[in-house]
Amino acid sequence: MDERVLGYIDVLGTGFRPPRYTLVVTNQRAILAQRTKAVEAAAGGAGGGGLGRLFSRRPAAPPLGQRYLAMPPDAILAETTGNVSLAPGGIGSVEIQAGETPNDDAPPTRYVLIRLLGPQGDVQLFSTGEPPPIAMVRELLRPAFGPMLRG
């Protein structure tokens, strides 16, 4: 069966300054693609953001992950040396849950948490922006990780 990209989710890792990634999902695995400045520049997303974009009359760049829909999975993996393949053989289970973080002066921040648990450890990824519906995340991950899905 040929491997093909099914979709993507923009995510954050964990830590004080969490790294930004795009979780690219294929019918056989997931690829954790780093969102470096070089990758964003190549996608047309660097510079001209914020107020600069308002006054430059330059249209907003499409979401970075959208370009991965047209790329072969091996090219996505090779794009940046830190990109990682997350194959079902190295994952024990995949947990998906929705949550929210309270904010004192604003509405709570909602997110979807994707936890990939394996023998080498636990990878926790939090959706960025408006969280996708949990059912959509489950359907996106099902072809590659179906029997391992929890939540």
Protein backbone atom coordinates (compact mmCIF):
# COMPACT_ATOMS: atom_id res chain seq x y z
CA MET A 1 0.00 0.00 0.00
CA ASP A 2 1.35 3.43 -0.95
CA GLU A 3 1.88 5.84 1.90
CA ARG A 4 -0.05 9.09 1.59
CA VAL A 5 -0.53 12.16 3.77
CA LEU A 6 -4.02 12.31 5.29
CA GLY A 7 -3.82 15.57 7.22
CA TYR A 8 -2.01 17.57 9.87
CA ILE A 9 -2.45 19.29 13.22
CA ASP A 10 -0.35 22.22 14.45
CA VAL A 11 0.91 21.32 17.92
CA LEU A 12 3.19 22.39 20.76
CA GLY A 13 5.50 20.15 22.74
CA THR A 14 6.00 20.53 26.49
CA GLY A 15 8.37 22.64 28.56
CA PHE A 16 8.96 26.27 29.53
CA ARG A 17 9.30 27.38 25.89
CA PRO A 18 7.52 24.55 24.14
CA PRO A 19 8.75 23.72 20.65
CA ARG A 20 6.28 24.14 17.79
CA TYR A 21 5.58 21.26 15.42
CA THR A 22 3.22 20.12 12.74
CA LEU A 23 1.99 16.59 13.35
CA VAL A 24 1.63 15.20 9.82
CA VAL A 25 -0.44 12.01 9.71
CA THR A 26 -0.21 9.42 6.94
CA ASN A 27 -2.05 6.16 6.48
CA GLN A 28 0.99 4.33 7.95
CA ARG A 29 2.56 6.63 10.58
CA ALA A 30 2.81 10.15 11.95
CA ILE A 31 5.67 12.55 11.31
CA LEU A 32 6.57 15.22 13.84
CA ALA A 33 7.84 18.12 11.69
CA GLN A 34 9.66 20.95 13.45
CA ARG A 35 8.43 24.47 12.78
CA THR A 36 11.77 26.22 12.39
CA LYS A 37 12.23 29.75 11.06
CA ALA A 38 13.76 28.28 7.89
CA VAL A 39 10.74 26.02 7.33
CA GLU A 40 8.34 28.91 7.91
CA ALA A 41 10.32 31.13 5.52
CA ALA A 42 10.27 28.45 2.82
CA ALA A 43 6.49 28.21 3.22
CA GLY A 44 6.09 31.97 2.89
CA GLY A 45 5.05 32.42 6.50
CA ALA A 46 8.03 34.35 7.87
CA GLY A 47 8.15 38.13 8.04
CA GLY A 48 5.33 40.54 7.38
CA GLY A 49 3.24 39.16 10.21
CA GLY A 50 1.03 41.12 12.56
CA LEU A 51 0.60 44.81 11.75
CA GLY A 52 3.20 44.58 8.97
CA ARG A 53 0.92 42.24 7.03
CA LEU A 54 -2.05 44.58 7.48
CA PHE A 55 -0.25 47.48 5.82
CA SER A 56 1.74 45.54 3.21
CA ARG A 57 -1.34 44.36 1.28
CA ARG A 58 0.32 40.98 1.13
CA PRO A 59 -2.17 38.15 1.60
CA ALA A 60 -1.76 35.94 4.60
CA ALA A 61 0.24 32.80 3.90
CA PRO A 62 -1.71 29.54 4.07
CA PRO A 63 -1.16 27.48 7.21
CA LEU A 64 2.31 25.93 7.19
CA GLY A 65 0.95 22.40 7.51
CA GLN A 66 -1.11 22.79 4.35
CA ARG A 67 2.00 22.49 2.18
CA TYR A 68 2.65 19.02 3.64
CA LEU A 69 -0.52 17.73 1.99
CA ALA A 70 1.27 17.80 -1.38
CA MET A 71 4.64 16.45 -0.19
CA PRO A 72 5.73 12.80 -0.12
CA PRO A 73 6.10 11.58 3.50
CA ASP A 74 9.83 10.85 3.11
CA ALA A 75 10.41 14.41 1.85
CA ILE A 76 8.64 15.77 4.97
CA LEU A 77 10.83 13.60 7.18
CA ALA A 78 14.01 14.76 5.40
CA GLU A 79 13.05 18.46 5.40
CA THR A 80 14.65 19.18 8.78
CA THR A 81 17.15 17.00 10.64
CA GLY A 82 14.99 17.06 13.78
CA ASN A 83 11.85 15.68 12.11
CA VAL A 84 10.83 12.34 13.59
CA SER A 85 8.85 9.37 12.29
CA LEU A 86 6.35 7.98 14.78
CA ALA A 87 5.53 4.51 13.48
CA PRO A 88 2.95 2.23 15.13
CA GLY A 89 5.66 -0.36 15.93
CA GLY A 90 7.34 2.07 18.35
CA ILE A 91 4.13 3.24 20.01
CA GLY A 92 2.26 1.31 22.70
CA SER A 93 -0.85 3.49 22.81
CA VAL A 94 -2.18 6.85 21.66
CA GLU A 95 -4.35 8.83 24.07
CA ILE A 96 -6.50 11.74 22.91
CA GLN A 97 -8.30 14.08 25.28
CA ALA A 98 -9.79 17.56 25.21
CA GLY A 99 -9.08 20.04 27.96
CA GLU A 100 -8.89 23.68 28.89
CA THR A 101 -6.60 25.91 30.89
CA PRO A 102 -8.29 28.63 32.95
CA ASN A 103 -7.24 32.25 32.34
CA ASP A 104 -7.86 34.94 34.95
CA ASP A 105 -8.89 37.77 32.62
CA ALA A 106 -10.00 35.88 29.53
CA PRO A 107 -11.97 32.85 28.44
CA PRO A 108 -10.22 29.53 29.10
CA THR A 109 -7.74 28.24 26.54
CA ARG A 110 -9.06 25.04 24.99
CA TYR A 111 -6.81 22.36 23.54
CA VAL A 112 -6.60 18.76 22.41
CA LEU A 113 -3.84 16.67 24.00
CA ILE A 114 -2.34 13.81 21.99
CA ARG A 115 -0.11 11.47 24.02
CA LEU A 116 1.97 8.87 22.21
CA LEU A 117 3.23 6.35 24.75
CA GLY A 118 6.06 4.04 23.82
CA PRO A 119 9.02 2.16 25.26
CA GLN A 120 11.31 5.19 24.86
CA GLY A 121 8.93 7.50 26.70
CA ASP A 122 5.87 9.66 26.44
CA VAL A 123 5.41 12.34 23.76
CA GLN A 124 2.78 14.95 24.69
CA LEU A 125 1.49 17.31 22.00
CA PHE A 126 -1.01 20.13 22.54
CA SER A 127 -3.04 21.58 19.65
CA THR A 128 -2.53 25.28 18.89
CA GLY A 129 -5.17 27.81 17.93
CA GLU A 130 -8.79 26.71 17.86
CA PRO A 131 -8.69 23.03 18.83
CA PRO A 132 -9.98 20.55 16.29
CA PRO A 133 -12.94 18.40 17.34
CA ILE A 134 -11.68 15.34 19.20
CA ALA A 135 -13.66 13.06 16.86
CA MET A 136 -11.77 14.55 13.88
CA VAL A 137 -8.41 13.90 15.58
CA ARG A 138 -9.44 10.32 16.30
CA GLU A 139 -10.48 9.75 12.65
CA LEU A 140 -7.24 11.30 11.37
CA LEU A 141 -5.11 8.99 13.54
CA ARG A 142 -7.22 5.84 13.05
CA PRO A 143 -5.65 4.54 9.77
CA ALA A 144 -2.14 4.42 11.27
CA PHE A 145 -2.86 3.87 14.98
CA GLY A 146 -6.38 2.37 15.09
CA PRO A 147 -5.94 -0.45 17.64
CA MET A 148 -3.80 1.79 19.86
CA LEU A 149 -6.24 4.72 20.19
CA ARG A 150 -7.57 5.55 23.64
CA GLY A 151 -9.93 8.37 24.56
